[in-house]
Amino acid sequence: MKLEQPFSKEIDVKISPSKPFYPPYVDGRDREFAGHGPFVTVLVILRKVGNLQLSYEIFMDAIETHNDFTFFQGQSGLQTAYSLENEHPGFLIATILSDAASGVRLLDTDPHLNSVAPSYGNLVKEFIIEGDRRGDDKPWVQVVFNPIKIKIIESPHTFLNRIQNY
């Protein structure tokens, strides 16, 4: 008798760019960086949610480097990145094979958009960041992801149905 095993395979997944994330204002006398920074830190973490879904969360802070130290900080909450159900019915996500985090640190001293590669991790292709702008500031980030590789495996129900039909 041949011992059967569930099918598994590696697949590439494309994740759409995030919506812009605006961390909330935390502290400072005003909401204006006035060309003094801000020093921006962004971290994105991808995680498996249940057996069928991948979600990410964005963490961002922006702090003025001078004067009254205007400060914004927050996290986006989990955002759905990918669901396995439609494209691969009968399979479950076993593991994420690519980097599951990327981050960047940036000193933003001009009122223009910044397109920057991550400082670490290969989850993200680029971060689009607005830190300082003219007038009241409202920093934000948008994340553009690299394709990721995951391993999927046949669900127990699908596996049992397949081997019973031999």
C-alpha atoms as a PDB file:
ATOM      1  CA  MET A   1       0.000   0.000   0.000  1.00  0.00           C
ATOM      2  CA  LYS A   2       1.387   3.374  -1.052  1.00  0.00           C
ATOM      3  CA  LEU A   3       1.330   6.073   1.620  1.00  0.00           C
ATOM      4  CA  GLU A   4      -0.219   9.224   0.139  1.00  0.00           C
ATOM      5  CA  GLN A   5       0.689  12.748   1.188  1.00  0.00           C
ATOM      6  CA  PRO A   6      -1.203  16.012   0.714  1.00  0.00           C
ATOM      7  CA  PHE A   7      -0.192  18.037  -2.330  1.00  0.00           C
ATOM      8  CA  SER A   8       1.788  21.172  -1.613  1.00  0.00           C
ATOM      9  CA  LYS A   9       3.283  23.818  -3.849  1.00  0.00           C
ATOM     10  CA  GLU A  10       4.907  27.215  -3.777  1.00  0.00           C
ATOM     11  CA  ILE A  11       3.111  30.123  -5.425  1.00  0.00           C
ATOM     12  CA  ASP A  12       3.845  33.803  -6.049  1.00  0.00           C
ATOM     13  CA  VAL A  13       1.270  36.276  -4.788  1.00  0.00           C
ATOM     14  CA  LYS A  14       0.851  39.874  -5.906  1.00  0.00           C
ATOM     15  CA  ILE A  15      -0.374  42.335  -3.305  1.00  0.00           C
ATOM     16  CA  SER A  16      -1.958  45.616  -4.393  1.00  0.00           C
ATOM     17  CA  PRO A  17      -0.414  48.838  -3.056  1.00  0.00           C
ATOM     18  CA  SER A  18      -1.825  49.957   0.272  1.00  0.00           C
ATOM     19  CA  LYS A  19      -4.149  52.887   0.659  1.00  0.00           C
ATOM     20  CA  PRO A  20      -2.361  55.911   2.143  1.00  0.00           C
ATOM     21  CA  PHE A  21      -2.057  55.593   5.917  1.00  0.00           C
ATOM     22  CA  TYR A  22      -2.166  58.778   8.032  1.00  0.00           C
ATOM     23  CA  PRO A  23      -0.920  58.298  11.608  1.00  0.00           C
ATOM     24  CA  PRO A  24      -2.775  60.470  14.113  1.00  0.00           C
ATOM     25  CA  TYR A  25      -1.356  63.633  15.674  1.00  0.00           C
ATOM     26  CA  VAL A  26       0.001  62.887  19.157  1.00  0.00           C
ATOM     27  CA  ASP A  27       1.798  65.891  20.620  1.00  0.00           C
ATOM     28  CA  GLY A  28       3.562  69.222  20.070  1.00  0.00           C
ATOM     29  CA  ARG A  29       2.557  72.880  20.227  1.00  0.00           C
ATOM     30  CA  ASP A  30       1.481  72.961  16.592  1.00  0.00           C
ATOM     31  CA  ARG A  31       0.978  70.568  13.676  1.00  0.00           C
ATOM     32  CA  GLU A  32       3.774  72.068  11.590  1.00  0.00           C
ATOM     33  CA  PHE A  33       7.222  70.550  10.988  1.00  0.00           C
ATOM     34  CA  ALA A  34       8.333  73.838   9.366  1.00  0.00           C
ATOM     35  CA  GLY A  35      11.244  72.199   7.540  1.00  0.00           C
ATOM     36  CA  HIS A  36      12.623  70.638  10.765  1.00  0.00           C
ATOM     37  CA  GLY A  37      12.414  67.022   9.795  1.00  0.00           C
ATOM     38  CA  PRO A  38      10.400  65.048  10.456  1.00  0.00           C
ATOM     39  CA  PHE A  39      12.323  61.915  11.227  1.00  0.00           C
ATOM     40  CA  VAL A  40      10.005  59.232   9.803  1.00  0.00           C
ATOM     41  CA  THR A  41      10.009  55.546  10.698  1.00  0.00           C
ATOM     42  CA  VAL A  42       7.754  53.040   8.906  1.00  0.00           C
ATOM     43  CA  LEU A  43       7.403  49.310   9.508  1.00  0.00           C
ATOM     44  CA  VAL A  44       5.156  46.908   7.564  1.00  0.00           C
ATOM     45  CA  ILE A  45       4.486  43.384   8.814  1.00  0.00           C
ATOM     46  CA  LEU A  46       2.738  40.653   6.809  1.00  0.00           C
ATOM     47  CA  ARG A  47       1.082  37.787   8.650  1.00  0.00           C
ATOM     48  CA  LYS A  48      -1.041  34.754   8.019  1.00  0.00           C
ATOM     49  CA  VAL A  49      -4.576  35.180   9.372  1.00  0.00           C
ATOM     50  CA  GLY A  50      -6.246  31.811   9.784  1.00  0.00           C
ATOM     51  CA  ASN A  51      -5.432  29.368   7.001  1.00  0.00           C
ATOM     52  CA  LEU A  52      -6.748  31.289   4.017  1.00  0.00           C
ATOM     53  CA  GLN A  53      -5.720  34.908   4.334  1.00  0.00           C
ATOM     54  CA  LEU A  54      -2.664  37.169   4.411  1.00  0.00           C
ATOM     55  CA  SER A  55      -2.927  40.573   6.057  1.00  0.00           C
ATOM     56  CA  TYR A  56      -0.484  43.395   6.731  1.00  0.00           C
ATOM     57  CA  GLU A  57      -0.215  46.191   9.247  1.00  0.00           C
ATOM     58  CA  ILE A  58       1.582  49.512   8.816  1.00  0.00           C
ATOM     59  CA  PHE A  59       3.246  51.290  11.749  1.00  0.00           C
ATOM     60  CA  MET A  60       4.423  54.871  11.256  1.00  0.00           C
ATOM     61  CA  ASP A  61       5.774  57.710  13.323  1.00  0.00           C
ATOM     62  CA  ALA A  62       6.984  61.158  12.303  1.00  0.00           C
ATOM     63  CA  ILE A  63       8.632  63.500  14.791  1.00  0.00           C
ATOM     64  CA  GLU A  64       9.914  67.014  14.251  1.00  0.00           C
ATOM     65  CA  THR A  65      13.666  67.237  14.845  1.00  0.00           C
ATOM     66  CA  HIS A  66      13.699  70.781  16.251  1.00  0.00           C
ATOM     67  CA  ASN A  67      11.593  73.411  17.969  1.00  0.00           C
ATOM     68  CA  ASP A  68       8.378  71.997  19.513  1.00  0.00           C
ATOM     69  CA  PHE A  69       8.820  68.369  18.350  1.00  0.00           C
ATOM     70  CA  THR A  70       5.476  67.921  16.601  1.00  0.00           C
ATOM     71  CA  PHE A  71       4.729  64.183  16.732  1.00  0.00           C
ATOM     72  CA  PHE A  72       2.456  61.811  14.783  1.00  0.00           C
ATOM     73  CA  GLN A  73       2.300  58.081  15.516  1.00  0.00           C
ATOM     74  CA  GLY A  74      -0.010  55.155  14.821  1.00  0.00           C
ATOM     75  CA  GLN A  75      -0.787  51.833  13.239  1.00  0.00           C
ATOM     76  CA  SER A  76      -3.195  51.002  10.455  1.00  0.00           C
ATOM     77  CA  GLY A  77      -4.775  47.883  11.915  1.00  0.00           C
ATOM     78  CA  LEU A  78      -4.815  44.688   9.871  1.00  0.00           C
ATOM     79  CA  GLN A  79      -5.484  45.174   6.157  1.00  0.00           C
ATOM     80  CA  THR A  80      -6.380  42.181   3.985  1.00  0.00           C
ATOM     81  CA  ALA A  81      -3.673  41.581   1.386  1.00  0.00           C
ATOM     82  CA  TYR A  82      -4.648  38.245  -0.173  1.00  0.00           C
ATOM     83  CA  SER A  83      -7.240  35.505   0.151  1.00  0.00           C
ATOM     84  CA  LEU A  84      -6.471  31.994  -1.071  1.00  0.00           C
ATOM     85  CA  GLU A  85     -10.099  30.826  -1.403  1.00  0.00           C
ATOM     86  CA  ASN A  86     -10.902  32.044  -4.905  1.00  0.00           C
ATOM     87  CA  GLU A  87      -7.680  31.149  -6.713  1.00  0.00           C
ATOM     88  CA  HIS A  88      -6.805  27.869  -4.962  1.00  0.00           C
ATOM     89  CA  PRO A  89      -9.938  26.218  -3.524  1.00  0.00           C
ATOM     90  CA  GLY A  90      -9.181  23.192  -1.365  1.00  0.00           C
ATOM     91  CA  PHE A  91      -5.782  24.546  -0.275  1.00  0.00           C
ATOM     92  CA  LEU A  92      -4.549  26.239   2.895  1.00  0.00           C
ATOM     93  CA  ILE A  93      -1.662  28.643   3.443  1.00  0.00           C
ATOM     94  CA  ALA A  94       1.119  26.664   5.099  1.00  0.00           C
ATOM     95  CA  THR A  95       3.760  29.381   5.436  1.00  0.00           C
ATOM     96  CA  ILE A  96       5.125  32.649   4.085  1.00  0.00           C
ATOM     97  CA  LEU A  97       8.449  31.948   2.361  1.00  0.00           C
ATOM     98  CA  SER A  98       9.425  35.556   1.524  1.00  0.00           C
ATOM     99  CA  ASP A  99      10.386  38.270   3.992  1.00  0.00           C
ATOM    100  CA  ALA A 100       7.366  39.113   6.104  1.00  0.00           C
ATOM    101  CA  ALA A 101       8.508  42.603   7.142  1.00  0.00           C
ATOM    102  CA  SER A 102      10.130  45.719   5.712  1.00  0.00           C
ATOM    103  CA  GLY A 103      10.959  49.060   7.205  1.00  0.00           C
ATOM    104  CA  VAL A 104      12.487  52.417   6.445  1.00  0.00           C
ATOM    105  CA  ARG A 105      13.879  55.429   8.316  1.00  0.00           C
ATOM    106  CA  LEU A 106      13.972  58.799   6.618  1.00  0.00           C
ATOM    107  CA  LEU A 107      14.752  62.396   7.523  1.00  0.00           C
ATOM    108  CA  ASP A 108      12.315  64.402   5.391  1.00  0.00           C
ATOM    109  CA  THR A 109      13.503  68.010   5.151  1.00  0.00           C
ATOM    110  CA  ASP A 110      11.591  69.181   2.068  1.00  0.00           C
ATOM    111  CA  PRO A 111       7.881  69.514   1.198  1.00  0.00           C
ATOM    112  CA  HIS A 112       7.960  66.926  -1.622  1.00  0.00           C
ATOM    113  CA  LEU A 113       6.853  63.311  -1.865  1.00  0.00           C
ATOM    114  CA  ASN A 114       9.574  60.782  -1.149  1.00  0.00           C
ATOM    115  CA  SER A 115       9.823  57.450  -2.949  1.00  0.00           C
ATOM    116  CA  VAL A 116      12.281  55.288  -1.020  1.00  0.00           C
ATOM    117  CA  ALA A 117      13.391  51.664  -1.000  1.00  0.00           C
ATOM    118  CA  PRO A 118      13.205  49.820   2.299  1.00  0.00           C
ATOM    119  CA  SER A 119      16.150  50.033   4.691  1.00  0.00           C
ATOM    120  CA  TYR A 120      15.600  46.368   5.549  1.00  0.00           C
ATOM    121  CA  GLY A 121      13.418  43.470   4.462  1.00  0.00           C
ATOM    122  CA  ASN A 122      12.247  42.529   0.988  1.00  0.00           C
ATOM    123  CA  LEU A 123       8.457  42.589   1.518  1.00  0.00           C
ATOM    124  CA  VAL A 124       8.199  46.153   0.201  1.00  0.00           C
ATOM    125  CA  LYS A 125       9.361  47.482  -3.177  1.00  0.00           C
ATOM    126  CA  GLU A 126       8.979  51.156  -2.224  1.00  0.00           C
ATOM    127  CA  PHE A 127       7.535  53.447   0.401  1.00  0.00           C
ATOM    128  CA  ILE A 128       5.870  56.628  -0.830  1.00  0.00           C
ATOM    129  CA  ILE A 129       6.072  59.078   2.071  1.00  0.00           C
ATOM    130  CA  GLU A 130       4.923  62.601   2.688  1.00  0.00           C
ATOM    131  CA  GLY A 131       6.345  63.973   5.906  1.00  0.00           C
ATOM    132  CA  ASP A 132       6.895  67.714   5.759  1.00  0.00           C
ATOM    133  CA  ARG A 133       4.711  69.917   3.553  1.00  0.00           C
ATOM    134  CA  ARG A 134       3.823  73.590   3.537  1.00  0.00           C
ATOM    135  CA  GLY A 135       1.324  74.596   6.235  1.00  0.00           C
ATOM    136  CA  ASP A 136      -0.211  72.182   8.743  1.00  0.00           C
ATOM    137  CA  ASP A 137       1.356  68.780   8.298  1.00  0.00           C
ATOM    138  CA  LYS A 138      -0.475  65.506   7.920  1.00  0.00           C
ATOM    139  CA  PRO A 139       2.200  62.872   7.237  1.00  0.00           C
ATOM    140  CA  TRP A 140       1.274  59.684   5.402  1.00  0.00           C
ATOM    141  CA  VAL A 141       2.727  56.602   3.744  1.00  0.00           C
ATOM    142  CA  GLN A 142       1.662  54.336   0.915  1.00  0.00           C
ATOM    143  CA  VAL A 143       3.310  50.928   0.541  1.00  0.00           C
ATOM    144  CA  VAL A 144       4.096  49.231  -2.794  1.00  0.00           C
ATOM    145  CA  PHE A 145       4.753  45.520  -2.264  1.00  0.00           C
ATOM    146  CA  ASN A 146       7.063  43.090  -4.010  1.00  0.00           C
ATOM    147  CA  PRO A 147       5.489  39.782  -5.080  1.00  0.00           C
ATOM    148  CA  ILE A 148       5.721  37.304  -2.225  1.00  0.00           C
ATOM    149  CA  LYS A 149       6.171  33.564  -2.215  1.00  0.00           C
ATOM    150  CA  ILE A 150       4.009  31.321  -0.054  1.00  0.00           C
ATOM    151  CA  LYS A 151       3.684  27.566   0.377  1.00  0.00           C
ATOM    152  CA  ILE A 152       0.176  26.161   0.149  1.00  0.00           C
ATOM    153  CA  ILE A 153      -0.991  22.665   1.058  1.00  0.00           C
ATOM    154  CA  GLU A 154      -4.074  20.614   0.330  1.00  0.00           C
ATOM    155  CA  SER A 155      -6.716  20.910   3.047  1.00  0.00           C
ATOM    156  CA  PRO A 156      -7.415  17.737   5.078  1.00  0.00           C
ATOM    157  CA  HIS A 157     -10.926  17.497   3.593  1.00  0.00           C
ATOM    158  CA  THR A 158      -9.647  17.767   0.005  1.00  0.00           C
ATOM    159  CA  PHE A 159      -6.829  15.307   0.724  1.00  0.00           C
ATOM    160  CA  LEU A 160      -9.169  12.693   2.240  1.00  0.00           C
ATOM    161  CA  ASN A 161     -11.636  13.027  -0.639  1.00  0.00           C
ATOM    162  CA  ARG A 162      -8.814  12.576  -3.167  1.00  0.00           C
ATOM    163  CA  ILE A 163      -7.313   9.453  -1.586  1.00  0.00           C
ATOM    164  CA  GLN A 164     -10.748   7.855  -1.011  1.00  0.00           C
ATOM    165  CA  ASN A 165     -11.470   8.162  -4.727  1.00  0.00           C
ATOM    166  CA  TYR A 166      -8.434   6.068  -5.779  1.00  0.00           C
END
